[in-house]
Amino acid sequence: MVRNHDGRWAAAEWRPVGRIFTREQAEGWAMQCEDGPRFLLPYSGGVERFAQGERLEMKPDETLWDYGEPLDLDLRAVLRAAAATPAVEPLPEPSAGRLPVEIATVRELSVRWFGSADPHKLELAFDELLFDLGGQRHDGDPAVYLVPYAALQPG
């Protein structure tokens, strides 16, 4: 889903594919488009209407986390911003090609960028991304992610 110029959410369209993407296709589409508010809406029979052009109207107290989650591309942008933010507490030294990043900063930036979310759902999205990227939580400090340097590169 992408936020249109009128402020409403609609299914993204990619001419070669259509309006329903796999996660990989959605990430590829996002890399070719300008940055902007967007998120993945998991496919089910209930979302077919959005592929036909219907708009998703969110209530004022709802955020994208109530419907889906940001693209990995956008989650990585949060990790980059968190890595560039001075830590509140001293962090462990970088090791094995991984940079320590404060999880509290990741949470704070995510809420600022994407809206509030259940903390468990928010952390689960980053935990899954880090697992896919070869990162992890720090063994001695569960409040720190060890993020591979390569994951912090744009794109």
Protein backbone atom coordinates (compact mmCIF):
# COMPACT_ATOMS: atom_id res chain seq x y z
CA MET A 1 0.00 0.00 0.00
CA VAL A 2 1.18 3.53 -0.71
CA ARG A 3 -0.16 6.86 0.46
CA ASN A 4 -1.46 8.84 -2.50
CA HIS A 5 -1.37 12.59 -3.01
CA ASP A 6 -4.86 12.75 -1.46
CA GLY A 7 -3.56 11.19 1.78
CA ARG A 8 -5.37 7.89 1.36
CA TRP A 9 -3.81 4.45 1.08
CA ALA A 10 -4.11 2.48 -2.17
CA ALA A 11 -2.53 -0.63 -3.65
CA ALA A 12 0.74 0.13 -5.40
CA GLU A 13 0.82 -0.67 -9.09
CA TRP A 14 3.82 -1.97 -10.97
CA ARG A 15 2.98 -2.33 -14.66
CA PRO A 16 4.81 -5.65 -15.30
CA VAL A 17 3.28 -7.25 -12.20
CA GLY A 18 -0.01 -5.59 -11.30
CA ARG A 19 -1.21 -4.67 -7.83
CA ILE A 20 -0.53 -7.84 -5.84
CA PHE A 21 3.13 -8.56 -5.14
CA THR A 22 5.23 -11.10 -3.38
CA ARG A 23 7.47 -9.56 -0.73
CA GLU A 24 10.40 -9.75 -3.16
CA GLN A 25 8.43 -7.97 -5.87
CA ALA A 26 7.31 -5.28 -3.41
CA GLU A 27 10.92 -4.67 -2.35
CA GLY A 28 11.99 -4.45 -6.02
CA TRP A 29 9.19 -2.01 -6.78
CA ALA A 30 10.16 0.15 -3.78
CA MET A 31 13.79 0.32 -4.92
CA GLN A 32 12.62 1.82 -8.21
CA CYS A 33 10.26 4.38 -6.67
CA GLU A 34 10.71 7.57 -4.72
CA ASP A 35 10.66 7.28 -0.96
CA GLY A 36 7.26 7.75 0.55
CA PRO A 37 4.81 6.27 3.01
CA ARG A 38 4.25 2.62 2.09
CA PHE A 39 3.69 -0.74 3.76
CA LEU A 40 2.93 -4.36 3.07
CA LEU A 41 -0.62 -5.52 3.50
CA PRO A 42 -0.63 -9.32 3.85
CA TYR A 43 -2.62 -11.00 1.11
CA SER A 44 -5.95 -12.58 1.96
CA GLY A 45 -9.35 -12.76 0.34
CA GLY A 46 -10.27 -9.62 2.27
CA VAL A 47 -7.75 -7.45 0.42
CA GLU A 48 -8.84 -8.27 -3.15
CA ARG A 49 -10.91 -5.09 -3.21
CA PHE A 50 -7.77 -2.97 -2.78
CA ALA A 51 -6.23 -4.60 -5.85
CA GLN A 52 -9.30 -3.41 -7.75
CA GLY A 53 -8.60 0.20 -6.79
CA GLU A 54 -10.55 0.67 -3.55
CA ARG A 55 -8.80 2.91 -1.03
CA LEU A 56 -7.91 1.83 2.50
CA GLU A 57 -9.26 4.32 5.02
CA MET A 58 -7.52 4.27 8.38
CA LYS A 59 -9.13 5.68 11.50
CA PRO A 60 -7.25 8.57 13.13
CA ASP A 61 -5.84 6.33 15.89
CA GLU A 62 -4.71 3.56 13.51
CA THR A 63 -1.28 3.12 11.97
CA LEU A 64 0.11 0.89 9.25
CA TRP A 65 1.09 -1.61 11.98
CA ASP A 66 -2.65 -2.30 12.48
CA TYR A 67 -2.78 -3.64 8.91
CA GLY A 68 0.68 -4.88 8.00
CA GLU A 69 4.31 -3.81 8.30
CA PRO A 70 6.85 -1.62 6.54
CA LEU A 71 8.95 -2.94 3.68
CA ASP A 72 12.36 -4.38 4.57
CA LEU A 73 13.87 -1.48 2.64
CA ASP A 74 12.23 0.95 5.07
CA LEU A 75 13.11 -1.14 8.14
CA ARG A 76 16.74 -1.05 7.00
CA ALA A 77 16.48 2.75 6.73
CA VAL A 78 15.41 2.80 10.39
CA LEU A 79 18.43 0.64 11.29
CA ARG A 80 20.72 3.07 9.42
CA ALA A 81 19.20 6.06 11.21
CA ALA A 82 19.45 4.30 14.59
CA ALA A 83 23.09 3.39 13.92
CA ALA A 84 23.81 7.09 13.23
CA THR A 85 22.07 8.22 16.44
CA PRO A 86 24.29 8.61 19.53
CA ALA A 87 23.50 5.88 22.05
CA VAL A 88 22.10 6.72 25.48
CA GLU A 89 24.04 3.90 27.14
CA PRO A 90 27.57 2.76 26.21
CA LEU A 91 27.44 0.13 23.49
CA PRO A 92 29.70 -2.90 23.02
CA GLU A 93 32.50 -2.60 20.49
CA PRO A 94 31.74 -3.54 16.87
CA SER A 95 32.81 -7.08 16.08
CA ALA A 96 32.77 -9.64 13.27
CA GLY A 97 31.51 -7.11 10.73
CA ARG A 98 28.55 -6.12 12.90
CA LEU A 99 27.72 -2.75 14.42
CA PRO A 100 25.89 -2.54 17.77
CA VAL A 101 22.64 -0.57 17.54
CA GLU A 102 20.44 0.31 20.51
CA ILE A 103 17.05 -1.41 20.25
CA ALA A 104 15.33 1.43 22.15
CA THR A 105 16.46 3.84 19.42
CA VAL A 106 15.15 1.48 16.73
CA ARG A 107 11.79 1.35 18.53
CA GLU A 108 11.64 5.13 18.96
CA LEU A 109 12.45 5.85 15.30
CA SER A 110 9.99 3.20 14.09
CA VAL A 111 7.16 4.76 16.05
CA ARG A 112 8.11 8.23 14.81
CA TRP A 113 8.29 7.09 11.17
CA PHE A 114 5.50 4.52 10.97
CA GLY A 115 3.22 5.17 13.95
CA SER A 116 2.71 3.41 17.23
CA ALA A 117 2.67 -0.37 17.40
CA ASP A 118 2.51 -3.18 19.86
CA PRO A 119 6.16 -3.41 21.01
CA HIS A 120 6.19 -7.17 20.42
CA LYS A 121 4.99 -6.80 16.81
CA LEU A 122 7.50 -4.03 16.13
CA GLU A 123 10.46 -5.96 17.55
CA LEU A 124 9.38 -9.13 15.77
CA ALA A 125 9.58 -7.31 12.42
CA PHE A 126 13.16 -6.21 13.16
CA ASP A 127 14.16 -9.57 14.66
CA GLU A 128 13.01 -11.35 11.47
CA LEU A 129 14.80 -8.83 9.26
CA LEU A 130 18.03 -9.15 11.23
CA PHE A 131 17.85 -12.92 11.08
CA ASP A 132 17.52 -12.70 7.28
CA LEU A 133 20.45 -10.24 7.09
CA GLY A 134 22.75 -12.30 9.31
CA GLY A 135 22.44 -10.07 12.36
CA GLN A 136 21.28 -10.86 15.87
CA ARG A 137 20.70 -9.53 19.35
CA HIS A 138 23.86 -9.08 21.38
CA ASP A 139 24.50 -12.13 23.58
CA GLY A 140 25.50 -10.13 26.65
CA ASP A 141 23.03 -7.28 26.17
CA PRO A 142 19.54 -8.07 24.86
CA ALA A 143 18.89 -4.31 24.40
CA VAL A 144 21.37 -4.19 21.49
CA TYR A 145 21.16 -5.45 17.92
CA LEU A 146 24.35 -6.50 16.15
CA VAL A 147 23.69 -5.29 12.62
CA PRO A 148 25.90 -6.42 9.72
CA TYR A 149 27.66 -3.47 8.09
CA ALA A 150 26.37 -4.60 4.70
CA ALA A 151 22.77 -4.26 5.96
CA LEU A 152 23.41 -0.61 6.77
CA GLN A 153 24.22 0.26 3.16
CA PRO A 154 21.43 1.99 1.21
CA GLY A 155 19.45 -0.12 -1.23
